Amino acid sequence: ALVHQAPEERKPLLDVWFENPRHGFAIGAYGLALETRDGGRQWRRRTLLPQDMHLNAIVGGPGGRIYIAGEAGTLLRSDDAGRRWRKLSSPYPGSFFGVLQLPDGNPLIFGLRGKAFRSPDSGRRWLPVATHGETTLQGGAVLDDGSVVLVGNDGQLLISVDGGRQFTPRRNGPRQAFAAVAASGGAFVLVGERGVAAVPRTESGAR
């Protein structure tokens, strides 16, 4: 059943995250944030920032902690499952398109011009992560074995086996922009501008 529609506002929703089957957030362009506490049957608007920055990605961490990454270096954190939000200092003024919770519970952010940073302390400090170029990174995933995968424009596919500290590029994938990645069996499933592609996970020097 349709629970939200507002095409006249021209504020697309860009990501969604649920703490449990009842409580979740949907976020999007121009600061749009919606919250549900009944499994998505009803949504109420939330104002998380005074500015109308695009909110591009949301992820939950341990202990009710939630992170949001967005336009022009926007970074937000909640420590109480979304009741209150605080703006974090950003290590980069450009836009972030993704945020992941690493296996140690801390966040990894990534986005424009291949910029990526991980935090060792819940977003208080940010350490740069080498991504082997300036290709914009659009999506990522933490897999069941703890490896971290990032994807982006021009066929970019990066793999980390040490909790997001170092990434190894894969060079044999399709040359297109990818926005999301998942793993299925022995393959990476990549979603991009030409649809869905599968790339074997096993390669010399990577897994």
N, C-alpha and C. Protein backbone atom coordinates (compact mmCIF):
# COMPACT_ATOMS: atom_id res chain seq x y z
N ALA A 1 0.83 -1.18 0.00
CA ALA A 1 0.00 0.00 0.00
C ALA A 1 0.88 1.25 0.00
N LEU A 2 0.47 2.25 -0.71
CA LEU A 2 1.21 3.51 -0.78
C LEU A 2 1.06 4.26 0.54
N VAL A 3 2.18 4.63 1.15
CA VAL A 3 2.13 5.32 2.44
C VAL A 3 2.68 6.74 2.38
N HIS A 4 3.37 7.10 1.30
CA HIS A 4 3.89 8.47 1.17
C HIS A 4 4.05 8.78 -0.31
N GLN A 5 3.54 9.93 -0.72
CA GLN A 5 3.72 10.39 -2.09
C GLN A 5 3.60 11.91 -2.11
N ALA A 6 4.64 12.58 -2.62
CA ALA A 6 4.60 14.04 -2.69
C ALA A 6 5.42 14.52 -3.88
N PRO A 7 5.05 14.13 -5.12
CA PRO A 7 5.86 14.50 -6.29
C PRO A 7 5.95 15.99 -6.51
N GLU A 8 4.95 16.75 -6.04
CA GLU A 8 4.97 18.19 -6.25
C GLU A 8 6.10 18.87 -5.47
N GLU A 9 6.60 18.22 -4.42
CA GLU A 9 7.69 18.80 -3.62
C GLU A 9 9.05 18.63 -4.29
N ARG A 10 9.17 17.67 -5.19
CA ARG A 10 10.43 17.39 -5.87
C ARG A 10 11.56 17.15 -4.88
N LYS A 11 11.28 16.34 -3.87
CA LYS A 11 12.26 15.96 -2.87
C LYS A 11 12.34 14.44 -2.82
N PRO A 12 13.14 13.83 -3.70
CA PRO A 12 13.20 12.37 -3.73
C PRO A 12 13.79 11.80 -2.44
N LEU A 13 13.29 10.66 -2.03
CA LEU A 13 13.89 9.92 -0.93
C LEU A 13 15.08 9.13 -1.45
N LEU A 14 16.18 9.13 -0.71
CA LEU A 14 17.44 8.57 -1.19
C LEU A 14 17.92 7.37 -0.40
N ASP A 15 17.45 7.19 0.84
CA ASP A 15 17.88 6.03 1.62
C ASP A 15 16.87 5.78 2.72
N VAL A 16 16.88 4.56 3.23
CA VAL A 16 15.97 4.17 4.31
C VAL A 16 16.70 3.22 5.25
N TRP A 17 16.39 3.32 6.54
CA TRP A 17 17.01 2.45 7.54
C TRP A 17 16.00 2.18 8.66
N PHE A 18 15.93 0.90 9.09
CA PHE A 18 15.04 0.51 10.17
C PHE A 18 15.85 -0.04 11.34
N GLU A 19 15.56 0.48 12.53
CA GLU A 19 16.15 -0.03 13.77
C GLU A 19 15.58 -1.39 14.13
N ASN A 20 14.30 -1.56 13.87
CA ASN A 20 13.58 -2.80 14.15
C ASN A 20 12.36 -2.82 13.23
N PRO A 21 11.50 -3.83 13.30
CA PRO A 21 10.37 -3.88 12.36
C PRO A 21 9.41 -2.71 12.44
N ARG A 22 9.45 -1.92 13.50
CA ARG A 22 8.50 -0.81 13.65
C ARG A 22 9.12 0.57 13.46
N HIS A 23 10.35 0.75 13.90
CA HIS A 23 10.94 2.09 13.93
C HIS A 23 11.99 2.26 12.84
N GLY A 24 11.80 3.31 12.01
CA GLY A 24 12.76 3.56 10.95
C GLY A 24 12.72 4.98 10.44
N PHE A 25 13.70 5.31 9.59
CA PHE A 25 13.82 6.62 8.98
C PHE A 25 13.95 6.47 7.46
N ALA A 26 13.40 7.43 6.73
CA ALA A 26 13.66 7.60 5.31
C ALA A 26 14.16 9.03 5.13
N ILE A 27 15.23 9.20 4.35
CA ILE A 27 15.85 10.51 4.19
C ILE A 27 16.03 10.81 2.71
N GLY A 28 16.22 12.12 2.40
CA GLY A 28 16.36 12.46 1.00
C GLY A 28 16.81 13.88 0.74
N ALA A 29 16.39 14.39 -0.40
CA ALA A 29 16.87 15.67 -0.90
C ALA A 29 16.32 16.83 -0.07
N TYR A 30 17.10 17.92 -0.03
CA TYR A 30 16.72 19.17 0.61
C TYR A 30 16.31 18.97 2.08
N GLY A 31 17.06 18.10 2.76
CA GLY A 31 16.83 17.90 4.19
C GLY A 31 15.63 17.06 4.55
N LEU A 32 15.00 16.43 3.58
CA LEU A 32 13.81 15.64 3.87
C LEU A 32 14.14 14.46 4.78
N ALA A 33 13.41 14.33 5.88
CA ALA A 33 13.57 13.21 6.80
C ALA A 33 12.19 12.81 7.31
N LEU A 34 11.88 11.54 7.19
CA LEU A 34 10.61 10.99 7.66
C LEU A 34 10.90 9.88 8.65
N GLU A 35 10.07 9.80 9.69
CA GLU A 35 10.24 8.77 10.72
C GLU A 35 8.94 8.01 10.91
N THR A 36 9.05 6.70 11.07
CA THR A 36 7.89 5.87 11.38
C THR A 36 8.14 5.08 12.65
N ARG A 37 7.09 4.89 13.41
CA ARG A 37 7.16 4.05 14.61
C ARG A 37 6.10 2.95 14.58
N ASP A 38 5.50 2.74 13.41
CA ASP A 38 4.49 1.68 13.29
C ASP A 38 4.74 0.81 12.06
N GLY A 39 6.02 0.60 11.74
CA GLY A 39 6.36 -0.27 10.63
C GLY A 39 6.11 0.30 9.26
N GLY A 40 5.99 1.62 9.15
CA GLY A 40 5.85 2.27 7.86
C GLY A 40 4.44 2.62 7.47
N ARG A 41 3.46 2.34 8.32
CA ARG A 41 2.08 2.70 7.98
C ARG A 41 1.87 4.21 8.02
N GLN A 42 2.52 4.88 8.96
CA GLN A 42 2.45 6.33 9.06
C GLN A 42 3.86 6.89 9.22
N TRP A 43 4.09 8.04 8.59
CA TRP A 43 5.39 8.71 8.65
C TRP A 43 5.19 10.14 9.09
N ARG A 44 6.08 10.63 9.95
CA ARG A 44 6.05 12.04 10.32
C ARG A 44 7.36 12.69 9.93
N ARG A 45 7.27 13.96 9.57
CA ARG A 45 8.46 14.70 9.13
C ARG A 45 9.30 15.10 10.34
N ARG A 46 10.61 15.03 10.15
CA ARG A 46 11.56 15.48 11.16
C ARG A 46 12.48 16.52 10.54
N THR A 47 12.84 17.54 11.31
CA THR A 47 13.83 18.52 10.90
C THR A 47 15.13 18.19 11.62
N LEU A 48 16.12 17.71 10.88
CA LEU A 48 17.38 17.30 11.47
C LEU A 48 18.45 18.37 11.39
N LEU A 49 18.30 19.29 10.42
CA LEU A 49 19.25 20.37 10.21
C LEU A 49 18.50 21.66 9.89
N PRO A 50 19.03 22.81 10.27
CA PRO A 50 18.39 24.06 9.86
C PRO A 50 18.56 24.34 8.37
N GLN A 51 19.63 23.78 7.73
CA GLN A 51 19.86 23.97 6.31
C GLN A 51 19.17 22.84 5.52
N ASP A 52 18.88 23.14 4.25
CA ASP A 52 18.21 22.15 3.40
C ASP A 52 19.23 21.33 2.60
N MET A 53 20.19 20.75 3.27
CA MET A 53 21.18 19.92 2.60
C MET A 53 20.58 18.56 2.24
N HIS A 54 21.03 18.01 1.10
CA HIS A 54 20.61 16.67 0.74
C HIS A 54 21.16 15.67 1.77
N LEU A 55 20.32 14.78 2.23
CA LEU A 55 20.71 13.71 3.12
C LEU A 55 20.75 12.42 2.29
N ASN A 56 21.96 11.93 2.04
CA ASN A 56 22.13 10.88 1.03
C ASN A 56 22.14 9.46 1.56
N ALA A 57 22.58 9.24 2.78
CA ALA A 57 22.75 7.86 3.26
C ALA A 57 22.61 7.82 4.77
N ILE A 58 22.07 6.71 5.28
CA ILE A 58 21.85 6.53 6.71
C ILE A 58 22.22 5.10 7.07
N VAL A 59 22.81 4.93 8.25
CA VAL A 59 23.14 3.59 8.74
C VAL A 59 23.08 3.60 10.26
N GLY A 60 22.71 2.48 10.84
CA GLY A 60 22.66 2.35 12.28
C GLY A 60 23.89 1.66 12.83
N GLY A 61 24.30 2.09 14.03
CA GLY A 61 25.42 1.47 14.72
C GLY A 61 24.95 0.86 16.02
N PRO A 62 25.87 0.40 16.85
CA PRO A 62 25.51 -0.25 18.11
C PRO A 62 24.97 0.75 19.13
N GLY A 63 24.12 0.26 20.02
CA GLY A 63 23.65 1.07 21.13
C GLY A 63 22.74 2.22 20.76
N GLY A 64 21.96 2.08 19.69
CA GLY A 64 21.06 3.15 19.27
C GLY A 64 21.72 4.27 18.51
N ARG A 65 22.95 4.09 18.09
CA ARG A 65 23.67 5.14 17.35
C ARG A 65 23.32 5.07 15.87
N ILE A 66 23.08 6.22 15.25
CA ILE A 66 22.75 6.32 13.83
C ILE A 66 23.62 7.41 13.21
N TYR A 67 24.05 7.16 11.98
CA TYR A 67 24.84 8.15 11.23
C TYR A 67 24.12 8.49 9.93
N ILE A 68 24.22 9.78 9.53
CA ILE A 68 23.73 10.24 8.24
C ILE A 68 24.85 11.00 7.55
N ALA A 69 25.02 10.75 6.25
CA ALA A 69 26.00 11.47 5.44
C ALA A 69 25.28 12.15 4.29
N GLY A 70 25.76 13.36 3.93
CA GLY A 70 25.04 14.09 2.90
C GLY A 70 25.86 15.12 2.16
N GLU A 71 25.16 16.08 1.63
CA GLU A 71 25.70 17.11 0.76
C GLU A 71 26.66 18.04 1.50
N ALA A 72 27.69 18.50 0.77
CA ALA A 72 28.60 19.53 1.27
C ALA A 72 29.18 19.20 2.64
N GLY A 73 29.61 17.95 2.80
CA GLY A 73 30.25 17.54 4.04
C GLY A 73 29.31 17.31 5.21
N THR A 74 28.01 17.26 4.96
CA THR A 74 27.05 17.07 6.05
C THR A 74 27.21 15.70 6.70
N LEU A 75 27.41 15.70 8.01
CA LEU A 75 27.51 14.46 8.79
C LEU A 75 26.72 14.65 10.08
N LEU A 76 25.82 13.72 10.36
CA LEU A 76 24.99 13.77 11.56
C LEU A 76 25.11 12.47 12.33
N ARG A 77 24.94 12.57 13.66
CA ARG A 77 24.95 11.39 14.51
C ARG A 77 23.87 11.51 15.58
N SER A 78 23.18 10.43 15.80
CA SER A 78 22.26 10.32 16.93
C SER A 78 22.75 9.22 17.84
N ASP A 79 22.70 9.47 19.14
CA ASP A 79 23.12 8.47 20.13
C ASP A 79 21.94 7.82 20.83
N ASP A 80 20.71 8.19 20.43
CA ASP A 80 19.53 7.68 21.13
C ASP A 80 18.45 7.25 20.13
N ALA A 81 18.87 6.52 19.09
CA ALA A 81 17.96 5.94 18.10
C ALA A 81 17.15 7.00 17.35
N GLY A 82 17.70 8.19 17.20
CA GLY A 82 17.08 9.20 16.35
C GLY A 82 16.25 10.23 17.06
N ARG A 83 16.20 10.23 18.38
CA ARG A 83 15.43 11.26 19.08
C ARG A 83 16.10 12.63 18.95
N ARG A 84 17.41 12.65 19.15
CA ARG A 84 18.17 13.89 19.02
C ARG A 84 19.33 13.66 18.06
N TRP A 85 19.70 14.72 17.36
CA TRP A 85 20.77 14.65 16.37
C TRP A 85 21.78 15.77 16.61
N ARG A 86 23.03 15.47 16.32
CA ARG A 86 24.07 16.49 16.39
C ARG A 86 24.88 16.45 15.10
N LYS A 87 25.35 17.63 14.69
CA LYS A 87 26.18 17.74 13.50
C LYS A 87 27.63 17.46 13.87
N LEU A 88 28.28 16.60 13.08
CA LEU A 88 29.67 16.26 13.32
C LEU A 88 30.58 17.13 12.46
N SER A 89 31.79 17.35 12.96
CA SER A 89 32.81 18.02 12.15
C SER A 89 33.15 17.14 10.97
N SER A 90 33.26 17.77 9.79
CA SER A 90 33.51 17.01 8.57
C SER A 90 34.97 17.12 8.15
N PRO A 91 35.56 16.02 7.67
CA PRO A 91 36.94 16.08 7.20
C PRO A 91 37.06 16.57 5.76
N TYR A 92 35.90 16.85 5.11
CA TYR A 92 35.94 17.19 3.69
C TYR A 92 34.69 18.01 3.36
N PRO A 93 34.82 19.13 2.62
CA PRO A 93 33.66 19.98 2.34
C PRO A 93 32.78 19.50 1.20
N GLY A 94 33.23 18.47 0.47
CA GLY A 94 32.42 17.94 -0.63
C GLY A 94 31.37 16.96 -0.14
N SER A 95 30.56 16.50 -1.06
CA SER A 95 29.43 15.64 -0.69
C SER A 95 29.85 14.20 -0.42
N PHE A 96 29.19 13.61 0.56
CA PHE A 96 29.32 12.19 0.85
C PHE A 96 28.05 11.49 0.36
N PHE A 97 28.25 10.35 -0.34
CA PHE A 97 27.12 9.61 -0.90
C PHE A 97 26.83 8.32 -0.15
N GLY A 98 27.71 7.95 0.78
CA GLY A 98 27.48 6.71 1.51
C GLY A 98 28.10 6.72 2.88
N VAL A 99 27.53 5.92 3.76
CA VAL A 99 28.10 5.69 5.09
C VAL A 99 27.83 4.24 5.46
N LEU A 100 28.85 3.57 5.98
CA LEU A 100 28.74 2.17 6.38
C LEU A 100 29.15 2.04 7.84
N GLN A 101 28.59 1.05 8.52
CA GLN A 101 29.07 0.67 9.84
C GLN A 101 30.08 -0.45 9.65
N LEU A 102 31.33 -0.18 10.02
CA LEU A 102 32.40 -1.15 9.88
C LEU A 102 32.26 -2.27 10.93
N PRO A 103 32.98 -3.37 10.75
CA PRO A 103 32.88 -4.48 11.71
C PRO A 103 33.19 -4.08 13.15
N ASP A 104 33.99 -3.02 13.37
CA ASP A 104 34.28 -2.60 14.74
C ASP A 104 33.21 -1.66 15.30
N GLY A 105 32.14 -1.42 14.54
CA GLY A 105 31.05 -0.56 15.00
C GLY A 105 31.19 0.89 14.63
N ASN A 106 32.34 1.29 14.10
CA ASN A 106 32.57 2.68 13.73
C ASN A 106 32.18 2.95 12.27
N PRO A 107 32.01 4.22 11.89
CA PRO A 107 31.55 4.54 10.54
C PRO A 107 32.67 4.72 9.53
N LEU A 108 32.34 4.43 8.28
CA LEU A 108 33.15 4.75 7.11
C LEU A 108 32.28 5.60 6.20
N ILE A 109 32.79 6.76 5.76
CA ILE A 109 32.06 7.65 4.87
C ILE A 109 32.82 7.77 3.55
N PHE A 110 32.09 8.01 2.44
CA PHE A 110 32.74 8.07 1.14
C PHE A 110 31.87 8.86 0.18
N GLY A 111 32.52 9.37 -0.90
CA GLY A 111 31.72 10.15 -1.83
C GLY A 111 32.50 10.78 -2.96
N LEU A 112 32.33 12.09 -3.10
CA LEU A 112 32.83 12.85 -4.23
C LEU A 112 34.36 12.75 -4.34
N ARG A 113 34.84 12.69 -5.60
CA ARG A 113 36.28 12.67 -5.91
C ARG A 113 37.02 11.54 -5.20
N GLY A 114 36.34 10.44 -4.92
CA GLY A 114 36.97 9.29 -4.32
C GLY A 114 37.35 9.46 -2.87
N LYS A 115 36.81 10.47 -2.21
CA LYS A 115 37.16 10.70 -0.82
C LYS A 115 36.49 9.66 0.08
N ALA A 116 37.27 9.12 1.00
CA ALA A 116 36.75 8.17 1.98
C ALA A 116 37.49 8.38 3.30
N PHE A 117 36.76 8.25 4.39
CA PHE A 117 37.33 8.43 5.73
C PHE A 117 36.68 7.43 6.67
N ARG A 118 37.47 6.92 7.59
CA ARG A 118 36.92 6.07 8.64
C ARG A 118 37.17 6.74 9.99
N SER A 119 36.30 6.48 10.92
CA SER A 119 36.46 7.05 12.26
C SER A 119 36.79 5.94 13.25
N PRO A 120 37.78 6.16 14.12
CA PRO A 120 38.07 5.17 15.16
C PRO A 120 37.27 5.41 16.43
N ASP A 121 36.49 6.52 16.48
CA ASP A 121 35.86 6.91 17.74
C ASP A 121 34.47 7.53 17.51
N SER A 122 33.66 6.84 16.71
CA SER A 122 32.25 7.22 16.53
C SER A 122 32.06 8.60 15.93
N GLY A 123 32.96 9.03 15.07
CA GLY A 123 32.79 10.28 14.36
C GLY A 123 33.44 11.48 14.99
N ARG A 124 34.19 11.31 16.06
CA ARG A 124 34.90 12.45 16.65
C ARG A 124 36.11 12.83 15.80
N ARG A 125 36.83 11.82 15.33
CA ARG A 125 37.97 12.04 14.43
C ARG A 125 37.75 11.21 13.17
N TRP A 126 38.37 11.68 12.07
CA TRP A 126 38.26 10.99 10.79
C TRP A 126 39.64 10.77 10.22
N LEU A 127 39.92 9.56 9.78
CA LEU A 127 41.21 9.21 9.20
C LEU A 127 41.02 8.95 7.71
N PRO A 128 41.83 9.57 6.85
CA PRO A 128 41.66 9.35 5.41
C PRO A 128 41.98 7.92 5.01
N VAL A 129 41.24 7.43 4.03
CA VAL A 129 41.43 6.09 3.49
C VAL A 129 41.79 6.22 2.02
N ALA A 130 42.88 5.58 1.60
CA ALA A 130 43.30 5.65 0.20
C ALA A 130 42.35 4.85 -0.68
N THR A 131 41.88 5.49 -1.75
CA THR A 131 40.97 4.82 -2.68
C THR A 131 41.53 4.73 -4.09
N HIS A 132 42.81 5.06 -4.25
CA HIS A 132 43.53 4.83 -5.51
C HIS A 132 42.97 5.64 -6.67
N GLY A 133 42.60 6.88 -6.41
CA GLY A 133 42.13 7.74 -7.48
C GLY A 133 41.09 8.73 -6.99
N GLU A 134 40.52 9.46 -7.94
CA GLU A 134 39.52 10.47 -7.61
C GLU A 134 38.16 10.13 -8.20
N THR A 135 37.91 8.86 -8.45
CA THR A 135 36.62 8.45 -8.98
C THR A 135 35.57 8.51 -7.88
N THR A 136 34.47 9.19 -8.14
CA THR A 136 33.41 9.33 -7.15
C THR A 136 32.86 7.98 -6.74
N LEU A 137 32.72 7.79 -5.42
CA LEU A 137 32.21 6.55 -4.86
C LEU A 137 30.74 6.73 -4.50
N GLN A 138 29.91 5.80 -4.95
CA GLN A 138 28.46 5.94 -4.83
C GLN A 138 27.82 4.98 -3.83
N GLY A 139 28.40 3.79 -3.65
CA GLY A 139 27.74 2.80 -2.80
C GLY A 139 28.74 1.85 -2.17
N GLY A 140 28.27 1.07 -1.23
CA GLY A 140 29.15 0.13 -0.56
C GLY A 140 28.38 -0.86 0.29
N ALA A 141 29.10 -1.84 0.81
CA ALA A 141 28.48 -2.85 1.66
C ALA A 141 29.55 -3.47 2.54
N VAL A 142 29.13 -3.90 3.73
CA VAL A 142 29.95 -4.73 4.62
C VAL A 142 29.39 -6.14 4.51
N LEU A 143 30.23 -7.08 4.08
CA LEU A 143 29.78 -8.44 3.81
C LEU A 143 29.84 -9.30 5.06
N ASP A 144 29.24 -10.49 4.97
CA ASP A 144 29.14 -11.38 6.12
C ASP A 144 30.50 -11.80 6.67
N ASP A 145 31.52 -11.86 5.80
CA ASP A 145 32.85 -12.26 6.26
C ASP A 145 33.65 -11.08 6.81
N GLY A 146 33.04 -9.89 6.89
CA GLY A 146 33.73 -8.72 7.42
C GLY A 146 34.44 -7.88 6.39
N SER A 147 34.52 -8.35 5.15
CA SER A 147 35.15 -7.53 4.12
C SER A 147 34.23 -6.37 3.75
N VAL A 148 34.84 -5.29 3.26
CA VAL A 148 34.12 -4.06 2.93
C VAL A 148 34.33 -3.79 1.44
N VAL A 149 33.24 -3.47 0.74
CA VAL A 149 33.30 -3.24 -0.70
C VAL A 149 32.72 -1.86 -1.00
N LEU A 150 33.41 -1.09 -1.84
CA LEU A 150 32.93 0.20 -2.31
C LEU A 150 32.86 0.19 -3.83
N VAL A 151 31.85 0.87 -4.39
CA VAL A 151 31.70 0.95 -5.84
C VAL A 151 31.43 2.40 -6.22
N GLY A 152 31.68 2.71 -7.50
CA GLY A 152 31.45 4.07 -7.94
C GLY A 152 31.48 4.20 -9.45
N ASN A 153 31.84 5.39 -9.90
CA ASN A 153 31.85 5.67 -11.33
C ASN A 153 32.99 4.95 -12.04
N ASP A 154 32.86 4.84 -13.36
CA ASP A 154 33.91 4.27 -14.20
C ASP A 154 34.29 2.86 -13.78
N GLY A 155 33.31 2.10 -13.28
CA GLY A 155 33.57 0.72 -12.92
C GLY A 155 34.38 0.52 -11.65
N GLN A 156 34.51 1.55 -10.83
CA GLN A 156 35.33 1.43 -9.62
C GLN A 156 34.77 0.36 -8.68
N LEU A 157 35.65 -0.55 -8.25
CA LEU A 157 35.31 -1.61 -7.30
C LEU A 157 36.49 -1.78 -6.37
N LEU A 158 36.30 -1.44 -5.09
CA LEU A 158 37.36 -1.48 -4.09
C LEU A 158 37.00 -2.47 -3.00
N ILE A 159 38.00 -3.23 -2.54
CA ILE A 159 37.75 -4.28 -1.54
C ILE A 159 38.73 -4.12 -0.40
N SER A 160 38.21 -4.19 0.83
CA SER A 160 39.03 -4.16 2.03
C SER A 160 38.80 -5.44 2.83
N VAL A 161 39.89 -6.03 3.30
CA VAL A 161 39.78 -7.22 4.15
C VAL A 161 40.31 -6.94 5.56
N ASP A 162 40.54 -5.65 5.87
CA ASP A 162 41.07 -5.30 7.19
C ASP A 162 40.19 -4.25 7.88
N GLY A 163 38.89 -4.36 7.68
CA GLY A 163 37.98 -3.46 8.39
C GLY A 163 37.93 -2.06 7.85
N GLY A 164 38.22 -1.86 6.56
CA GLY A 164 38.13 -0.55 5.95
C GLY A 164 39.35 0.32 6.09
N ARG A 165 40.45 -0.25 6.55
CA ARG A 165 41.68 0.54 6.68
C ARG A 165 42.39 0.69 5.34
N GLN A 166 42.44 -0.38 4.55
CA GLN A 166 43.08 -0.36 3.25
C GLN A 166 42.16 -1.02 2.23
N PHE A 167 42.15 -0.47 1.02
CA PHE A 167 41.33 -1.01 -0.06
C PHE A 167 42.20 -1.37 -1.25
N THR A 168 41.83 -2.47 -1.89
CA THR A 168 42.50 -2.93 -3.11
C THR A 168 41.54 -2.76 -4.28
N PRO A 169 41.96 -2.10 -5.36
CA PRO A 169 41.06 -1.94 -6.51
C PRO A 169 41.00 -3.20 -7.35
N ARG A 170 39.81 -3.47 -7.87
CA ARG A 170 39.62 -4.52 -8.87
C ARG A 170 39.52 -3.85 -10.23
N ARG A 171 40.24 -4.34 -11.20
CA ARG A 171 40.33 -3.65 -12.49
C ARG A 171 39.60 -4.35 -13.62
N ASN A 172 38.97 -5.49 -13.36
CA ASN A 172 38.42 -6.27 -14.46
C ASN A 172 36.90 -6.22 -14.55
N GLY A 173 36.26 -5.27 -13.89
CA GLY A 173 34.81 -5.18 -13.94
C GLY A 173 34.33 -4.33 -15.10
N PRO A 174 33.01 -4.30 -15.33
CA PRO A 174 32.45 -3.48 -16.41
C PRO A 174 32.73 -1.99 -16.16
N ARG A 175 33.01 -1.24 -17.23
CA ARG A 175 33.33 0.18 -17.11
C ARG A 175 32.04 1.00 -17.18
N GLN A 176 31.37 1.09 -16.05
CA GLN A 176 30.14 1.87 -15.97
C GLN A 176 30.02 2.39 -14.54
N ALA A 177 29.08 3.29 -14.32
CA ALA A 177 28.86 3.82 -12.98
C ALA A 177 28.02 2.84 -12.17
N PHE A 178 28.50 2.52 -10.97
CA PHE A 178 27.78 1.63 -10.07
C PHE A 178 27.32 2.39 -8.84
N ALA A 179 26.09 2.09 -8.39
CA ALA A 179 25.51 2.79 -7.25
C ALA A 179 25.34 1.90 -6.04
N ALA A 180 25.39 0.57 -6.22
CA ALA A 180 25.16 -0.33 -5.09
C ALA A 180 25.85 -1.65 -5.37
N VAL A 181 26.15 -2.38 -4.27
CA VAL A 181 26.83 -3.66 -4.39
C VAL A 181 26.33 -4.59 -3.30
N ALA A 182 26.27 -5.88 -3.63
CA ALA A 182 25.95 -6.93 -2.66
C ALA A 182 26.75 -8.15 -3.06
N ALA A 183 26.72 -9.18 -2.23
CA ALA A 183 27.42 -10.42 -2.53
C ALA A 183 26.40 -11.55 -2.62
N SER A 184 26.59 -12.42 -3.59
CA SER A 184 25.74 -13.59 -3.75
C SER A 184 26.60 -14.76 -4.18
N GLY A 185 26.74 -15.74 -3.29
CA GLY A 185 27.61 -16.86 -3.61
C GLY A 185 29.04 -16.40 -3.82
N GLY A 186 29.59 -16.74 -4.96
CA GLY A 186 30.97 -16.36 -5.26
C GLY A 186 31.10 -15.14 -6.12
N ALA A 187 30.08 -14.27 -6.13
CA ALA A 187 30.12 -13.10 -7.00
C ALA A 187 29.72 -11.83 -6.26
N PHE A 188 30.25 -10.71 -6.73
CA PHE A 188 29.73 -9.40 -6.36
C PHE A 188 28.60 -9.06 -7.34
N VAL A 189 27.48 -8.64 -6.81
CA VAL A 189 26.37 -8.20 -7.64
C VAL A 189 26.37 -6.68 -7.63
N LEU A 190 26.59 -6.07 -8.80
CA LEU A 190 26.76 -4.63 -8.94
C LEU A 190 25.55 -4.05 -9.66
N VAL A 191 24.99 -2.98 -9.11
CA VAL A 191 23.83 -2.32 -9.71
C VAL A 191 24.27 -0.95 -10.21
N GLY A 192 24.04 -0.68 -11.50
CA GLY A 192 24.53 0.57 -12.06
C GLY A 192 23.72 1.07 -13.22
N GLU A 193 24.35 1.95 -14.01
CA GLU A 193 23.65 2.66 -15.07
C GLU A 193 23.17 1.74 -16.18
N ARG A 194 23.75 0.56 -16.32
CA ARG A 194 23.32 -0.38 -17.36
C ARG A 194 22.59 -1.59 -16.78
N GLY A 195 22.16 -1.47 -15.54
CA GLY A 195 21.45 -2.59 -14.93
C GLY A 195 22.31 -3.31 -13.92
N VAL A 196 22.20 -4.64 -13.89
CA VAL A 196 22.86 -5.46 -12.89
C VAL A 196 23.97 -6.28 -13.55
N ALA A 197 25.13 -6.33 -12.89
CA ALA A 197 26.26 -7.11 -13.38
C ALA A 197 26.82 -7.94 -12.24
N ALA A 198 27.38 -9.08 -12.57
CA ALA A 198 28.01 -9.97 -11.58
C ALA A 198 29.49 -10.09 -11.90
N VAL A 199 30.32 -9.93 -10.87
CA VAL A 199 31.77 -10.04 -11.01
C VAL A 199 32.26 -11.08 -10.00
N PRO A 200 33.06 -12.06 -10.41
CA PRO A 200 33.56 -13.06 -9.46
C PRO A 200 34.31 -12.40 -8.30
N ARG A 201 34.08 -12.92 -7.10
CA ARG A 201 34.75 -12.36 -5.93
C ARG A 201 36.22 -12.75 -5.87
N THR A 202 36.56 -13.90 -6.37
CA THR A 202 37.92 -14.41 -6.25
C THR A 202 38.78 -13.90 -7.37
N GLU A 203 39.89 -13.28 -6.98
CA GLU A 203 40.87 -12.79 -7.95
C GLU A 203 42.21 -12.83 -7.25
N SER A 204 43.28 -12.99 -8.00
CA SER A 204 44.61 -12.99 -7.43
C SER A 204 44.86 -11.71 -6.67
N GLY A 205 45.15 -11.79 -5.36
CA GLY A 205 45.42 -10.63 -4.54
C GLY A 205 44.21 -10.06 -3.88
N ALA A 206 43.01 -10.63 -4.14
CA ALA A 206 41.78 -10.14 -3.51
C ALA A 206 40.85 -11.31 -3.33
N ARG A 207 39.79 -11.09 -2.56
CA ARG A 207 38.83 -12.17 -2.40
C ARG A 207 37.42 -11.60 -2.55
